[in-house]
C-alpha cells in the first residue's frame, strides 16, 4: 500500500459514513428551525365561493364567468369572473369573526361606518380557463391578506383608531422591533381534545383567559407591530401528539459530533450550519374550554396561567404575538354557511 493510500481510504470511509448518517437524519421526523413546522398543516375554513387559510392568514374569493352568458366572448367572460370573484371575496371577508361576539359584517352595523372595500386589499391569485366542459368558463381567484401592513388586521386597527369602541381596546404602538421567528419561543395552545359542540373557532382578536377569569391575552396587551405582522394567532391542525411537539430533535451537527466526527473548516458540511443547529422552542399548553358566543376565547388552567405569565415577562411571548392554536376539524364539516375541513395540504396556495 502506498504511504498516502491509507489516509485517502480512511477519509473516503469517513465521508461515506457521514453521508449515510446525514441521509438517516433526513428521514427522521423533522424538527423545523422555522415556525413553518412540517408537523402543522393549515386550518382551512371553506365557504361556498371562497375560503380562509387561518395559518397563512389569507382570504380567497372565487368567481366564474361563462362564455354562453357573455356573448361567447372570452374577454367578457373573464371580466365577469373577475367581478364575481371580487364580490365573493368581500362576502367571505364579511363573515370573518373579529372576537367572540362580532363578525366583520356585524361591525358595520355598529356605530362604526365601515367600508369593506377599503379594508380588504385583494389581488389576483389565479386565473383558469375551463374549456373541456359543456359550458366553458373562466374561473378567477382573488386573495387578500389578513396580516401584514396591507392586511385586514392593519386596516381595521387604523380605521378603529378614529372611532374607539367600548368592547375593543386597541394595541399601543411600540418602538420595540418585532423579533425574528427563530429567536424566541412560541406558545402552542392545543385545543384538539375539546367536545365537538365546544370546538375552538378562529378569530382575528381572540383572547386567552384563566380559570379565575383573568385575561392574559387581548389586543390591549400586545405590541401593535407584532399584531400587524403575525396576527393574534395562527390556527393549524396536526396529528402530532403533545409529547412530540415538546421534544427536541437533535441537529445534524450534534449527531455527527456525538459520533466522533470533528470537522476542520475545509471539511464542514455545505450549508448554513447556524440555521441548521437552531431548534424551535415550543411551549405547549392545553386549552380547557372554548368560551364566548362564538367559541373564540381560549381558557387555560391556573397553573398554566402562572407559567405563561412568567414566560411572557422574560421572552414577551404574548406581547410579540407568538401564538399557534391547534384546532380540531369536524368530520363532515359544519352545516350551513361555513364548511370547515382538515387540509393536509394547502391546495397549492401557500
C-alpha atoms as a PDB file:
ATOM      1  CA  UNK A   1       0.000   0.000   0.000  1.00  0.00           C
ATOM      2  CA  UNK A   2       1.290   3.454  -0.906  1.00  0.00           C
ATOM      3  CA  UNK A   3       2.089   5.850   2.005  1.00  0.00           C
ATOM      4  CA  UNK A   4      -0.939   8.080   1.478  1.00  0.00           C
ATOM      5  CA  UNK A   5      -3.362   5.405   0.356  1.00  0.00           C
ATOM      6  CA  UNK A   6      -4.360   4.526   3.922  1.00  0.00           C
ATOM      7  CA  UNK A   7      -5.241   8.126   4.732  1.00  0.00           C
ATOM      8  CA  UNK A   8      -7.147   8.562   1.492  1.00  0.00           C
ATOM      9  CA  UNK A   9      -9.053   5.355   2.184  1.00  0.00           C
ATOM     10  CA  UNK A  10      -9.764   6.455   5.761  1.00  0.00           C
ATOM     11  CA  UNK A  11     -11.010   9.852   4.590  1.00  0.00           C
ATOM     12  CA  UNK A  12     -13.217   8.233   1.940  1.00  0.00           C
ATOM     13  CA  UNK A  13     -14.663   5.891   4.564  1.00  0.00           C
ATOM     14  CA  UNK A  14     -15.351   8.820   6.894  1.00  0.00           C
ATOM     15  CA  UNK A  15     -17.207  10.760   4.232  1.00  0.00           C
ATOM     16  CA  UNK A  16     -19.233   7.734   3.186  1.00  0.00           C
ATOM     17  CA  UNK A  17     -20.180   7.215   6.826  1.00  0.00           C
ATOM     18  CA  UNK A  18     -21.076  10.882   7.182  1.00  0.00           C
ATOM     19  CA  UNK A  19     -23.251  10.699   4.064  1.00  0.00           C
ATOM     20  CA  UNK A  20     -25.120   7.693   5.480  1.00  0.00           C
ATOM     21  CA  UNK A  21     -25.664   9.460   8.803  1.00  0.00           C
ATOM     22  CA  UNK A  22     -26.996  12.562   7.070  1.00  0.00           C
ATOM     23  CA  UNK A  23     -29.356  10.522   4.900  1.00  0.00           C
ATOM     24  CA  UNK A  24     -30.597   8.754   8.035  1.00  0.00           C
ATOM     25  CA  UNK A  25     -31.204  12.089   9.740  1.00  0.00           C
ATOM     26  CA  UNK A  26     -33.075  13.456   6.744  1.00  0.00           C
ATOM     27  CA  UNK A  27     -35.590  10.643   7.028  1.00  0.00           C
ATOM     28  CA  UNK A  28     -36.190  11.267  10.725  1.00  0.00           C
ATOM     29  CA  UNK A  29     -39.295  13.248  11.722  1.00  0.00           C
ATOM     30  CA  UNK A  30     -38.291  16.831  11.074  1.00  0.00           C
ATOM     31  CA  UNK A  31     -37.987  19.476  13.746  1.00  0.00           C
ATOM     32  CA  UNK A  32     -38.079  22.684  11.776  1.00  0.00           C
ATOM     33  CA  UNK A  33     -35.849  25.597  12.742  1.00  0.00           C
ATOM     34  CA  UNK A  34     -38.568  27.825  11.392  1.00  0.00           C
ATOM     35  CA  UNK A  35     -42.122  28.318  12.571  1.00  0.00           C
ATOM     36  CA  UNK A  36     -43.090  26.685   9.266  1.00  0.00           C
ATOM     37  CA  UNK A  37     -43.027  23.312  11.018  1.00  0.00           C
ATOM     38  CA  UNK A  38     -43.987  20.311   8.903  1.00  0.00           C
ATOM     39  CA  UNK A  39     -45.994  18.916  11.815  1.00  0.00           C
ATOM     40  CA  UNK A  40     -48.532  21.698  11.370  1.00  0.00           C
ATOM     41  CA  UNK A  41     -50.987  21.958   8.481  1.00  0.00           C
ATOM     42  CA  UNK A  42     -53.194  24.924   7.557  1.00  0.00           C
ATOM     43  CA  UNK A  43     -56.645  25.135   9.067  1.00  0.00           C
ATOM     44  CA  UNK A  44     -58.862  25.946   6.092  1.00  0.00           C
ATOM     45  CA  UNK A  45     -62.341  27.353   6.631  1.00  0.00           C
ATOM     46  CA  UNK A  46     -64.382  26.859   3.465  1.00  0.00           C
ATOM     47  CA  UNK A  47     -67.236  28.957   2.172  1.00  0.00           C
ATOM     48  CA  UNK A  48     -69.396  28.379  -0.917  1.00  0.00           C
ATOM     49  CA  UNK A  49     -67.334  30.778  -3.055  1.00  0.00           C
ATOM     50  CA  UNK A  50     -64.045  31.053  -1.207  1.00  0.00           C
ATOM     51  CA  UNK A  51     -62.075  30.083   1.855  1.00  0.00           C
ATOM     52  CA  UNK A  52     -59.852  31.376   4.635  1.00  0.00           C
ATOM     53  CA  UNK A  53     -56.405  29.970   5.354  1.00  0.00           C
ATOM     54  CA  UNK A  54     -56.054  30.715   9.076  1.00  0.00           C
ATOM     55  CA  UNK A  55     -52.439  29.552   9.106  1.00  0.00           C
ATOM     56  CA  UNK A  56     -51.070  31.848   6.423  1.00  0.00           C
ATOM     57  CA  UNK A  57     -53.709  34.473   7.131  1.00  0.00           C
ATOM     58  CA  UNK A  58     -55.203  34.752   3.637  1.00  0.00           C
ATOM     59  CA  UNK A  59     -58.788  35.133   2.402  1.00  0.00           C
ATOM     60  CA  UNK A  60     -59.712  33.745  -1.032  1.00  0.00           C
ATOM     61  CA  UNK A  61     -62.703  34.512  -3.226  1.00  0.00           C
ATOM     62  CA  UNK A  62     -63.568  32.701  -6.472  1.00  0.00           C
ATOM     63  CA  UNK A  63     -65.809  33.720  -9.377  1.00  0.00           C
ATOM     64  CA  UNK A  64     -66.830  32.197 -12.697  1.00  0.00           C
ATOM     65  CA  UNK A  65     -67.667  33.840 -15.987  1.00  0.00           C
ATOM     66  CA  UNK A  66     -69.396  31.616 -18.571  1.00  0.00           C
ATOM     67  CA  UNK A  67     -68.888  32.202 -22.281  1.00  0.00           C
ATOM     68  CA  UNK A  68     -72.504  31.454 -23.223  1.00  0.00           C
ATOM     69  CA  UNK A  69     -73.687  34.123 -20.779  1.00  0.00           C
ATOM     70  CA  UNK A  70     -71.239  36.684 -22.156  1.00  0.00           C
ATOM     71  CA  UNK A  71     -71.859  36.682 -25.912  1.00  0.00           C
ATOM     72  CA  UNK A  72     -69.363  33.823 -26.295  1.00  0.00           C
ATOM     73  CA  UNK A  73     -66.619  36.355 -25.700  1.00  0.00           C
ATOM     74  CA  UNK A  74     -63.594  35.227 -23.693  1.00  0.00           C
ATOM     75  CA  UNK A  75     -62.715  38.778 -22.682  1.00  0.00           C
ATOM     76  CA  UNK A  76     -66.249  39.462 -21.418  1.00  0.00           C
ATOM     77  CA  UNK A  77     -66.359  36.122 -19.599  1.00  0.00           C
ATOM     78  CA  UNK A  78     -63.028  36.853 -17.942  1.00  0.00           C
ATOM     79  CA  UNK A  79     -64.219  40.269 -16.842  1.00  0.00           C
ATOM     80  CA  UNK A  80     -67.422  38.766 -15.452  1.00  0.00           C
ATOM     81  CA  UNK A  81     -65.407  36.189 -13.479  1.00  0.00           C
ATOM     82  CA  UNK A  82     -63.263  38.974 -12.006  1.00  0.00           C
ATOM     83  CA  UNK A  83     -66.310  40.953 -10.911  1.00  0.00           C
ATOM     84  CA  UNK A  84     -67.927  37.891  -9.308  1.00  0.00           C
ATOM     85  CA  UNK A  85     -64.664  36.966  -7.549  1.00  0.00           C
ATOM     86  CA  UNK A  86     -64.358  40.499  -6.146  1.00  0.00           C
ATOM     87  CA  UNK A  87     -67.869  40.296  -4.750  1.00  0.00           C
ATOM     88  CA  UNK A  88     -67.255  36.854  -3.273  1.00  0.00           C
ATOM     89  CA  UNK A  89     -64.020  37.765  -1.510  1.00  0.00           C
ATOM     90  CA  UNK A  90     -65.833  40.640   0.189  1.00  0.00           C
ATOM     91  CA  UNK A  91     -68.652  38.264   1.100  1.00  0.00           C
ATOM     92  CA  UNK A  92     -66.193  35.818   2.685  1.00  0.00           C
ATOM     93  CA  UNK A  93     -64.421  38.659   4.499  1.00  0.00           C
ATOM     94  CA  UNK A  94     -67.688  39.935   5.939  1.00  0.00           C
ATOM     95  CA  UNK A  95     -68.129  36.638   7.797  1.00  0.00           C
ATOM     96  CA  UNK A  96     -64.710  36.768   9.470  1.00  0.00           C
ATOM     97  CA  UNK A  97     -65.043  36.607  13.253  1.00  0.00           C
ATOM     98  CA  UNK A  98     -63.459  39.618  14.957  1.00  0.00           C
ATOM     99  CA  UNK A  99     -63.881  38.298  18.504  1.00  0.00           C
ATOM    100  CA  UNK A 100     -66.255  36.087  20.462  1.00  0.00           C
ATOM    101  CA  UNK A 101     -69.290  38.255  19.604  1.00  0.00           C
ATOM    102  CA  UNK A 102     -68.859  40.032  16.306  1.00  0.00           C
ATOM    103  CA  UNK A 103     -68.122  39.371  12.678  1.00  0.00           C
ATOM    104  CA  UNK A 104     -66.810  41.997  10.307  1.00  0.00           C
ATOM    105  CA  UNK A 105     -70.302  42.290   8.863  1.00  0.00           C
ATOM    106  CA  UNK A 106     -71.769  42.908  12.333  1.00  0.00           C
ATOM    107  CA  UNK A 107     -69.194  45.609  12.972  1.00  0.00           C
ATOM    108  CA  UNK A 108     -70.561  47.545  10.029  1.00  0.00           C
ATOM    109  CA  UNK A 109     -73.958  47.587  11.747  1.00  0.00           C
ATOM    110  CA  UNK A 110     -72.454  49.028  14.912  1.00  0.00           C
ATOM    111  CA  UNK A 111     -71.824  52.740  15.357  1.00  0.00           C
ATOM    112  CA  UNK A 112     -68.779  52.357  13.113  1.00  0.00           C
ATOM    113  CA  UNK A 113     -69.336  53.174   9.457  1.00  0.00           C
ATOM    114  CA  UNK A 114     -67.202  50.640   7.684  1.00  0.00           C
ATOM    115  CA  UNK A 115     -66.463  50.077   4.003  1.00  0.00           C
ATOM    116  CA  UNK A 116     -65.277  46.554   3.296  1.00  0.00           C
ATOM    117  CA  UNK A 117     -63.668  47.593   0.029  1.00  0.00           C
ATOM    118  CA  UNK A 118     -61.377  49.945   1.922  1.00  0.00           C
ATOM    119  CA  UNK A 119     -60.290  47.223   4.334  1.00  0.00           C
ATOM    120  CA  UNK A 120     -59.823  44.253   2.006  1.00  0.00           C
ATOM    121  CA  UNK A 121     -56.814  44.749  -0.273  1.00  0.00           C
ATOM    122  CA  UNK A 122     -57.132  41.912  -2.729  1.00  0.00           C
ATOM    123  CA  UNK A 123     -55.062  40.894  -5.727  1.00  0.00           C
ATOM    124  CA  UNK A 124     -55.215  38.275  -8.456  1.00  0.00           C
ATOM    125  CA  UNK A 125     -54.226  34.833  -7.233  1.00  0.00           C
ATOM    126  CA  UNK A 126     -55.138  32.559 -10.140  1.00  0.00           C
ATOM    127  CA  UNK A 127     -56.949  32.609 -13.499  1.00  0.00           C
ATOM    128  CA  UNK A 128     -58.015  29.423 -15.258  1.00  0.00           C
ATOM    129  CA  UNK A 129     -59.975  28.803 -18.464  1.00  0.00           C
ATOM    130  CA  UNK A 130     -62.062  25.623 -18.228  1.00  0.00           C
ATOM    131  CA  UNK A 131     -62.885  24.544 -21.762  1.00  0.00           C
ATOM    132  CA  UNK A 132     -63.400  20.762 -21.613  1.00  0.00           C
ATOM    133  CA  UNK A 133     -66.935  21.093 -20.256  1.00  0.00           C
ATOM    134  CA  UNK A 134     -70.365  21.620 -21.793  1.00  0.00           C
ATOM    135  CA  UNK A 135     -70.348  25.309 -20.936  1.00  0.00           C
ATOM    136  CA  UNK A 136     -66.756  26.662 -20.933  1.00  0.00           C
ATOM    137  CA  UNK A 137     -65.934  29.338 -18.381  1.00  0.00           C
ATOM    138  CA  UNK A 138     -63.209  31.390 -16.768  1.00  0.00           C
ATOM    139  CA  UNK A 139     -62.512  30.875 -13.085  1.00  0.00           C
ATOM    140  CA  UNK A 140     -60.755  33.689 -11.242  1.00  0.00           C
ATOM    141  CA  UNK A 141     -59.481  33.508  -7.664  1.00  0.00           C
ATOM    142  CA  UNK A 142     -58.517  36.611  -5.706  1.00  0.00           C
ATOM    143  CA  UNK A 143     -56.563  36.670  -2.450  1.00  0.00           C
ATOM    144  CA  UNK A 144     -56.437  39.181   0.388  1.00  0.00           C
ATOM    145  CA  UNK A 145     -54.059  39.108   3.383  1.00  0.00           C
ATOM    146  CA  UNK A 146     -55.257  39.188   6.970  1.00  0.00           C
ATOM    147  CA  UNK A 147     -51.815  40.055   8.345  1.00  0.00           C
ATOM    148  CA  UNK A 148     -49.060  42.391   7.160  1.00  0.00           C
ATOM    149  CA  UNK A 149     -49.092  46.124   6.523  1.00  0.00           C
ATOM    150  CA  UNK A 150     -51.670  45.696   3.746  1.00  0.00           C
ATOM    151  CA  UNK A 151     -53.672  43.111   5.669  1.00  0.00           C
ATOM    152  CA  UNK A 152     -57.178  43.273   7.056  1.00  0.00           C
ATOM    153  CA  UNK A 153     -55.910  43.475  10.661  1.00  0.00           C
ATOM    154  CA  UNK A 154     -53.757  46.519   9.929  1.00  0.00           C
ATOM    155  CA  UNK A 155     -56.582  48.234   8.035  1.00  0.00           C
ATOM    156  CA  UNK A 156     -59.002  47.531  10.891  1.00  0.00           C
ATOM    157  CA  UNK A 157     -56.681  48.921  13.546  1.00  0.00           C
ATOM    158  CA  UNK A 158     -56.084  52.065  11.510  1.00  0.00           C
ATOM    159  CA  UNK A 159     -59.824  52.535  10.959  1.00  0.00           C
ATOM    160  CA  UNK A 160     -60.871  51.830  14.545  1.00  0.00           C
ATOM    161  CA  UNK A 161     -58.343  54.278  15.960  1.00  0.00           C
ATOM    162  CA  UNK A 162     -60.560  57.054  14.633  1.00  0.00           C
ATOM    163  CA  UNK A 163     -63.674  55.573  16.284  1.00  0.00           C
ATOM    164  CA  UNK A 164     -62.752  53.988  19.652  1.00  0.00           C
ATOM    165  CA  UNK A 165     -65.027  51.154  20.725  1.00  0.00           C
ATOM    166  CA  UNK A 166     -66.055  50.207  24.241  1.00  0.00           C
ATOM    167  CA  UNK A 167     -65.564  46.497  23.591  1.00  0.00           C
ATOM    168  CA  UNK A 168     -62.160  46.637  21.894  1.00  0.00           C
ATOM    169  CA  UNK A 169     -59.026  48.150  23.424  1.00  0.00           C
ATOM    170  CA  UNK A 170     -56.541  48.667  20.627  1.00  0.00           C
ATOM    171  CA  UNK A 171     -52.828  47.853  20.983  1.00  0.00           C
ATOM    172  CA  UNK A 172     -50.432  50.679  21.682  1.00  0.00           C
ATOM    173  CA  UNK A 173     -47.609  51.468  19.236  1.00  0.00           C
ATOM    174  CA  UNK A 174     -44.158  50.471  20.423  1.00  0.00           C
ATOM    175  CA  UNK A 175     -40.624  51.361  19.413  1.00  0.00           C
ATOM    176  CA  UNK A 176     -39.589  47.773  20.052  1.00  0.00           C
ATOM    177  CA  UNK A 177     -38.706  45.849  16.910  1.00  0.00           C
ATOM    178  CA  UNK A 178     -40.510  42.600  16.186  1.00  0.00           C
ATOM    179  CA  UNK A 179     -38.122  39.757  16.962  1.00  0.00           C
ATOM    180  CA  UNK A 180     -37.357  37.140  14.356  1.00  0.00           C
ATOM    181  CA  UNK A 181     -39.386  33.937  14.297  1.00  0.00           C
ATOM    182  CA  UNK A 182     -36.325  31.798  15.084  1.00  0.00           C
ATOM    183  CA  UNK A 183     -35.117  33.787  18.063  1.00  0.00           C
ATOM    184  CA  UNK A 184     -37.810  33.255  20.686  1.00  0.00           C
ATOM    185  CA  UNK A 185     -40.193  30.503  21.839  1.00  0.00           C
ATOM    186  CA  UNK A 186     -43.729  30.120  20.514  1.00  0.00           C
ATOM    187  CA  UNK A 187     -46.790  29.270  22.551  1.00  0.00           C
ATOM    188  CA  UNK A 188     -48.752  26.310  21.188  1.00  0.00           C
ATOM    189  CA  UNK A 189     -52.295  26.037  22.545  1.00  0.00           C
ATOM    190  CA  UNK A 190     -53.567  22.503  21.999  1.00  0.00           C
ATOM    191  CA  UNK A 191     -57.356  22.627  21.606  1.00  0.00           C
ATOM    192  CA  UNK A 192     -57.852  19.230  19.985  1.00  0.00           C
ATOM    193  CA  UNK A 193     -59.415  17.476  22.976  1.00  0.00           C
ATOM    194  CA  UNK A 194     -62.470  19.657  23.341  1.00  0.00           C
ATOM    195  CA  UNK A 195     -66.016  18.267  22.837  1.00  0.00           C
ATOM    196  CA  UNK A 196     -67.444  18.581  19.338  1.00  0.00           C
ATOM    197  CA  UNK A 197     -70.006  21.144  20.417  1.00  0.00           C
ATOM    198  CA  UNK A 198     -67.307  23.259  22.023  1.00  0.00           C
ATOM    199  CA  UNK A 199     -64.623  23.367  19.340  1.00  0.00           C
ATOM    200  CA  UNK A 200     -62.486  26.476  19.000  1.00  0.00           C
ATOM    201  CA  UNK A 201     -63.284  28.799  16.101  1.00  0.00           C
ATOM    202  CA  UNK A 202     -60.686  31.166  14.638  1.00  0.00           C
ATOM    203  CA  UNK A 203     -60.928  34.924  15.108  1.00  0.00           C
ATOM    204  CA  UNK A 204     -58.823  37.984  14.384  1.00  0.00           C
ATOM    205  CA  UNK A 205     -58.899  39.121  18.023  1.00  0.00           C
ATOM    206  CA  UNK A 206     -59.131  36.017  20.251  1.00  0.00           C
ATOM    207  CA  UNK A 207     -58.426  36.107  23.981  1.00  0.00           C
ATOM    208  CA  UNK A 208     -56.607  33.785  26.360  1.00  0.00           C
ATOM    209  CA  UNK A 209     -58.241  33.668  29.780  1.00  0.00           C
ATOM    210  CA  UNK A 210     -57.601  31.831  33.046  1.00  0.00           C
ATOM    211  CA  UNK A 211     -59.958  29.702  35.100  1.00  0.00           C
ATOM    212  CA  UNK A 212     -60.352  32.607  37.522  1.00  0.00           C
ATOM    213  CA  UNK A 213     -61.457  34.928  34.722  1.00  0.00           C
ATOM    214  CA  UNK A 214     -58.179  36.808  34.277  1.00  0.00           C
ATOM    215  CA  UNK A 215     -57.480  37.912  30.704  1.00  0.00           C
ATOM    216  CA  UNK A 216     -53.885  37.133  29.771  1.00  0.00           C
ATOM    217  CA  UNK A 217     -54.020  37.889  26.081  1.00  0.00           C
ATOM    218  CA  UNK A 218     -56.035  40.508  24.227  1.00  0.00           C
ATOM    219  CA  UNK A 219     -55.403  43.393  21.849  1.00  0.00           C
ATOM    220  CA  UNK A 220     -54.564  45.902  24.579  1.00  0.00           C
ATOM    221  CA  UNK A 221     -51.765  43.635  25.884  1.00  0.00           C
ATOM    222  CA  UNK A 222     -49.842  43.116  22.632  1.00  0.00           C
ATOM    223  CA  UNK A 223     -47.393  45.116  20.577  1.00  0.00           C
ATOM    224  CA  UNK A 224     -49.073  46.721  17.555  1.00  0.00           C
ATOM    225  CA  UNK A 225     -46.253  45.965  15.126  1.00  0.00           C
ATOM    226  CA  UNK A 226     -46.254  42.292  16.176  1.00  0.00           C
ATOM    227  CA  UNK A 227     -50.043  42.121  15.824  1.00  0.00           C
ATOM    228  CA  UNK A 228     -49.855  43.554  12.314  1.00  0.00           C
ATOM    229  CA  UNK A 229     -47.055  41.205  11.280  1.00  0.00           C
ATOM    230  CA  UNK A 230     -48.273  37.934  12.789  1.00  0.00           C
ATOM    231  CA  UNK A 231     -51.873  38.413  13.814  1.00  0.00           C
ATOM    232  CA  UNK A 232     -53.081  37.416  17.274  1.00  0.00           C
ATOM    233  CA  UNK A 233     -52.838  33.699  16.457  1.00  0.00           C
ATOM    234  CA  UNK A 234     -52.150  31.202  13.717  1.00  0.00           C
ATOM    235  CA  UNK A 235     -54.631  28.332  13.508  1.00  0.00           C
ATOM    236  CA  UNK A 236     -53.381  24.934  12.379  1.00  0.00           C
ATOM    237  CA  UNK A 237     -54.241  21.254  12.544  1.00  0.00           C
ATOM    238  CA  UNK A 238     -51.832  18.488  13.474  1.00  0.00           C
ATOM    239  CA  UNK A 239     -51.638  14.741  14.060  1.00  0.00           C
ATOM    240  CA  UNK A 240     -48.547  15.146  16.225  1.00  0.00           C
ATOM    241  CA  UNK A 241     -49.080  14.147  19.872  1.00  0.00           C
ATOM    242  CA  UNK A 242     -48.389  16.744  22.519  1.00  0.00           C
ATOM    243  CA  UNK A 243     -45.201  14.947  23.582  1.00  0.00           C
ATOM    244  CA  UNK A 244     -43.876  15.136  20.032  1.00  0.00           C
ATOM    245  CA  UNK A 245     -44.292  18.898  19.935  1.00  0.00           C
ATOM    246  CA  UNK A 246     -42.251  19.431  23.071  1.00  0.00           C
ATOM    247  CA  UNK A 247     -39.439  17.014  22.171  1.00  0.00           C
ATOM    248  CA  UNK A 248     -36.173  18.448  20.943  1.00  0.00           C
ATOM    249  CA  UNK A 249     -34.828  16.676  17.873  1.00  0.00           C
ATOM    250  CA  UNK A 250     -31.047  16.522  17.553  1.00  0.00           C
ATOM    251  CA  UNK A 251     -29.419  18.523  14.801  1.00  0.00           C
ATOM    252  CA  UNK A 252     -27.107  17.086  12.150  1.00  0.00           C
ATOM    253  CA  UNK A 253     -24.083  18.657  13.829  1.00  0.00           C
ATOM    254  CA  UNK A 254     -24.977  17.225  17.240  1.00  0.00           C
ATOM    255  CA  UNK A 255     -25.327  13.663  15.972  1.00  0.00           C
ATOM    256  CA  UNK A 256     -22.104  13.868  13.975  1.00  0.00           C
ATOM    257  CA  UNK A 257     -20.238  15.319  16.939  1.00  0.00           C
ATOM    258  CA  UNK A 258     -21.533  12.554  19.204  1.00  0.00           C
ATOM    259  CA  UNK A 259     -20.372  10.020  16.609  1.00  0.00           C
ATOM    260  CA  UNK A 260     -16.855  11.409  16.873  1.00  0.00           C
ATOM    261  CA  UNK A 261     -16.717  13.353  13.626  1.00  0.00           C
ATOM    262  CA  UNK A 262     -14.985  16.683  14.206  1.00  0.00           C
ATOM    263  CA  UNK A 263     -14.588  18.827  11.138  1.00  0.00           C
ATOM    264  CA  UNK A 264     -11.968  21.315  10.122  1.00  0.00           C
ATOM    265  CA  UNK A 265     -13.129  24.447   8.320  1.00  0.00           C
ATOM    266  CA  UNK A 266     -12.487  22.962   4.885  1.00  0.00           C
ATOM    267  CA  UNK A 267     -14.306  19.756   5.853  1.00  0.00           C
ATOM    268  CA  UNK A 268     -17.509  21.400   7.073  1.00  0.00           C
ATOM    269  CA  UNK A 269     -20.744  20.172   5.594  1.00  0.00           C
ATOM    270  CA  UNK A 270     -22.019  22.534   2.923  1.00  0.00           C
ATOM    271  CA  UNK A 271     -24.932  24.683   4.021  1.00  0.00           C
ATOM    272  CA  UNK A 272     -25.894  27.090   6.721  1.00  0.00           C
ATOM    273  CA  UNK A 273     -24.713  25.340   9.901  1.00  0.00           C
ATOM    274  CA  UNK A 274     -26.023  28.075  12.156  1.00  0.00           C
ATOM    275  CA  UNK A 275     -29.517  27.818  10.713  1.00  0.00           C
ATOM    276  CA  UNK A 276     -29.415  24.016  10.857  1.00  0.00           C
ATOM    277  CA  UNK A 277     -28.458  23.882  14.535  1.00  0.00           C
ATOM    278  CA  UNK A 278     -31.176  26.241  15.741  1.00  0.00           C
ATOM    279  CA  UNK A 279     -34.261  24.495  17.085  1.00  0.00           C
ATOM    280  CA  UNK A 280     -37.705  25.914  17.510  1.00  0.00           C
ATOM    281  CA  UNK A 281     -38.764  26.068  21.125  1.00  0.00           C
ATOM    282  CA  UNK A 282     -42.456  25.357  21.683  1.00  0.00           C
ATOM    283  CA  UNK A 283     -44.253  25.904  24.969  1.00  0.00           C
ATOM    284  CA  UNK A 284     -47.329  23.686  24.740  1.00  0.00           C
ATOM    285  CA  UNK A 285     -50.409  24.282  26.892  1.00  0.00           C
ATOM    286  CA  UNK A 286     -53.811  22.565  26.830  1.00  0.00           C
ATOM    287  CA  UNK A 287     -56.973  24.536  26.141  1.00  0.00           C
ATOM    288  CA  UNK A 288     -59.569  23.530  28.725  1.00  0.00           C
ATOM    289  CA  UNK A 289     -62.534  25.220  27.089  1.00  0.00           C
ATOM    290  CA  UNK A 290     -63.531  27.479  24.187  1.00  0.00           C
ATOM    291  CA  UNK A 291     -65.501  30.428  25.557  1.00  0.00           C
ATOM    292  CA  UNK A 292     -67.631  33.269  24.203  1.00  0.00           C
ATOM    293  CA  UNK A 293     -70.691  33.298  21.986  1.00  0.00           C
ATOM    294  CA  UNK A 294     -68.587  32.139  19.033  1.00  0.00           C
ATOM    295  CA  UNK A 295     -66.161  29.867  20.914  1.00  0.00           C
ATOM    296  CA  UNK A 296     -63.147  32.012  20.046  1.00  0.00           C
ATOM    297  CA  UNK A 297     -61.687  32.635  23.523  1.00  0.00           C
ATOM    298  CA  UNK A 298     -59.237  30.098  24.943  1.00  0.00           C
ATOM    299  CA  UNK A 299     -59.420  29.020  28.590  1.00  0.00           C
ATOM    300  CA  UNK A 300     -56.281  27.575  30.198  1.00  0.00           C
ATOM    301  CA  UNK A 301     -55.609  26.278  33.715  1.00  0.00           C
ATOM    302  CA  UNK A 302     -54.434  28.489  36.546  1.00  0.00           C
ATOM    303  CA  UNK A 303     -51.159  26.553  36.688  1.00  0.00           C
ATOM    304  CA  UNK A 304     -50.536  27.201  33.003  1.00  0.00           C
ATOM    305  CA  UNK A 305     -51.560  30.802  33.554  1.00  0.00           C
ATOM    306  CA  UNK A 306     -48.847  31.349  36.150  1.00  0.00           C
ATOM    307  CA  UNK A 307     -46.219  29.683  33.982  1.00  0.00           C
ATOM    308  CA  UNK A 308     -47.263  31.643  30.914  1.00  0.00           C
ATOM    309  CA  UNK A 309     -47.159  34.975  32.748  1.00  0.00           C
ATOM    310  CA  UNK A 310     -43.655  34.183  33.939  1.00  0.00           C
ATOM    311  CA  UNK A 311     -42.596  33.229  30.412  1.00  0.00           C
ATOM    312  CA  UNK A 312     -44.096  36.390  28.942  1.00  0.00           C
ATOM    313  CA  UNK A 313     -42.203  38.513  31.451  1.00  0.00           C
ATOM    314  CA  UNK A 314     -38.910  37.102  30.174  1.00  0.00           C
ATOM    315  CA  UNK A 315     -39.464  36.383  26.472  1.00  0.00           C
ATOM    316  CA  UNK A 316     -42.530  38.554  25.667  1.00  0.00           C
ATOM    317  CA  UNK A 317     -44.089  35.524  24.032  1.00  0.00           C
ATOM    318  CA  UNK A 318     -47.590  37.016  24.283  1.00  0.00           C
ATOM    319  CA  UNK A 319     -46.719  40.648  23.717  1.00  0.00           C
ATOM    320  CA  UNK A 320     -44.978  39.617  20.487  1.00  0.00           C
ATOM    321  CA  UNK A 321     -47.990  37.520  19.331  1.00  0.00           C
ATOM    322  CA  UNK A 322     -46.038  34.284  19.017  1.00  0.00           C
ATOM    323  CA  UNK A 323     -49.140  32.119  19.386  1.00  0.00           C
ATOM    324  CA  UNK A 324     -50.202  28.995  17.495  1.00  0.00           C
ATOM    325  CA  UNK A 325     -53.549  27.275  18.126  1.00  0.00           C
ATOM    326  CA  UNK A 326     -54.035  23.642  17.134  1.00  0.00           C
ATOM    327  CA  UNK A 327     -57.716  23.164  16.411  1.00  0.00           C
ATOM    328  CA  UNK A 328     -59.871  20.168  15.570  1.00  0.00           C
ATOM    329  CA  UNK A 329     -61.642  19.667  12.295  1.00  0.00           C
ATOM    330  CA  UNK A 330     -65.200  18.280  12.489  1.00  0.00           C
ATOM    331  CA  UNK A 331     -65.853  15.253  10.290  1.00  0.00           C
ATOM    332  CA  UNK A 332     -68.199  16.286   7.512  1.00  0.00           C
ATOM    333  CA  UNK A 333     -67.755  19.969   8.218  1.00  0.00           C
ATOM    334  CA  UNK A 334     -70.285  22.387   9.604  1.00  0.00           C
ATOM    335  CA  UNK A 335     -73.779  22.521   8.150  1.00  0.00           C
ATOM    336  CA  UNK A 336     -74.922  25.837   6.752  1.00  0.00           C
ATOM    337  CA  UNK A 337     -72.885  28.822   5.673  1.00  0.00           C
ATOM    338  CA  UNK A 338     -69.430  27.534   6.549  1.00  0.00           C
ATOM    339  CA  UNK A 339     -67.909  24.173   5.741  1.00  0.00           C
ATOM    340  CA  UNK A 340     -64.772  23.544   7.796  1.00  0.00           C
ATOM    341  CA  UNK A 341     -62.385  20.840   6.758  1.00  0.00           C
ATOM    342  CA  UNK A 342     -58.985  19.469   7.508  1.00  0.00           C
ATOM    343  CA  UNK A 343     -56.441  20.259   4.814  1.00  0.00           C
ATOM    344  CA  UNK A 344     -53.298  18.169   4.776  1.00  0.00           C
ATOM    345  CA  UNK A 345     -52.040  20.483   2.084  1.00  0.00           C
ATOM    346  CA  UNK A 346     -52.960  23.998   1.097  1.00  0.00           C
ATOM    347  CA  UNK A 347     -54.244  23.238  -2.400  1.00  0.00           C
ATOM    348  CA  UNK A 348     -51.119  24.696  -3.912  1.00  0.00           C
ATOM    349  CA  UNK A 349     -51.856  28.093  -2.415  1.00  0.00           C
ATOM    350  CA  UNK A 350     -49.084  28.518   0.153  1.00  0.00           C
END
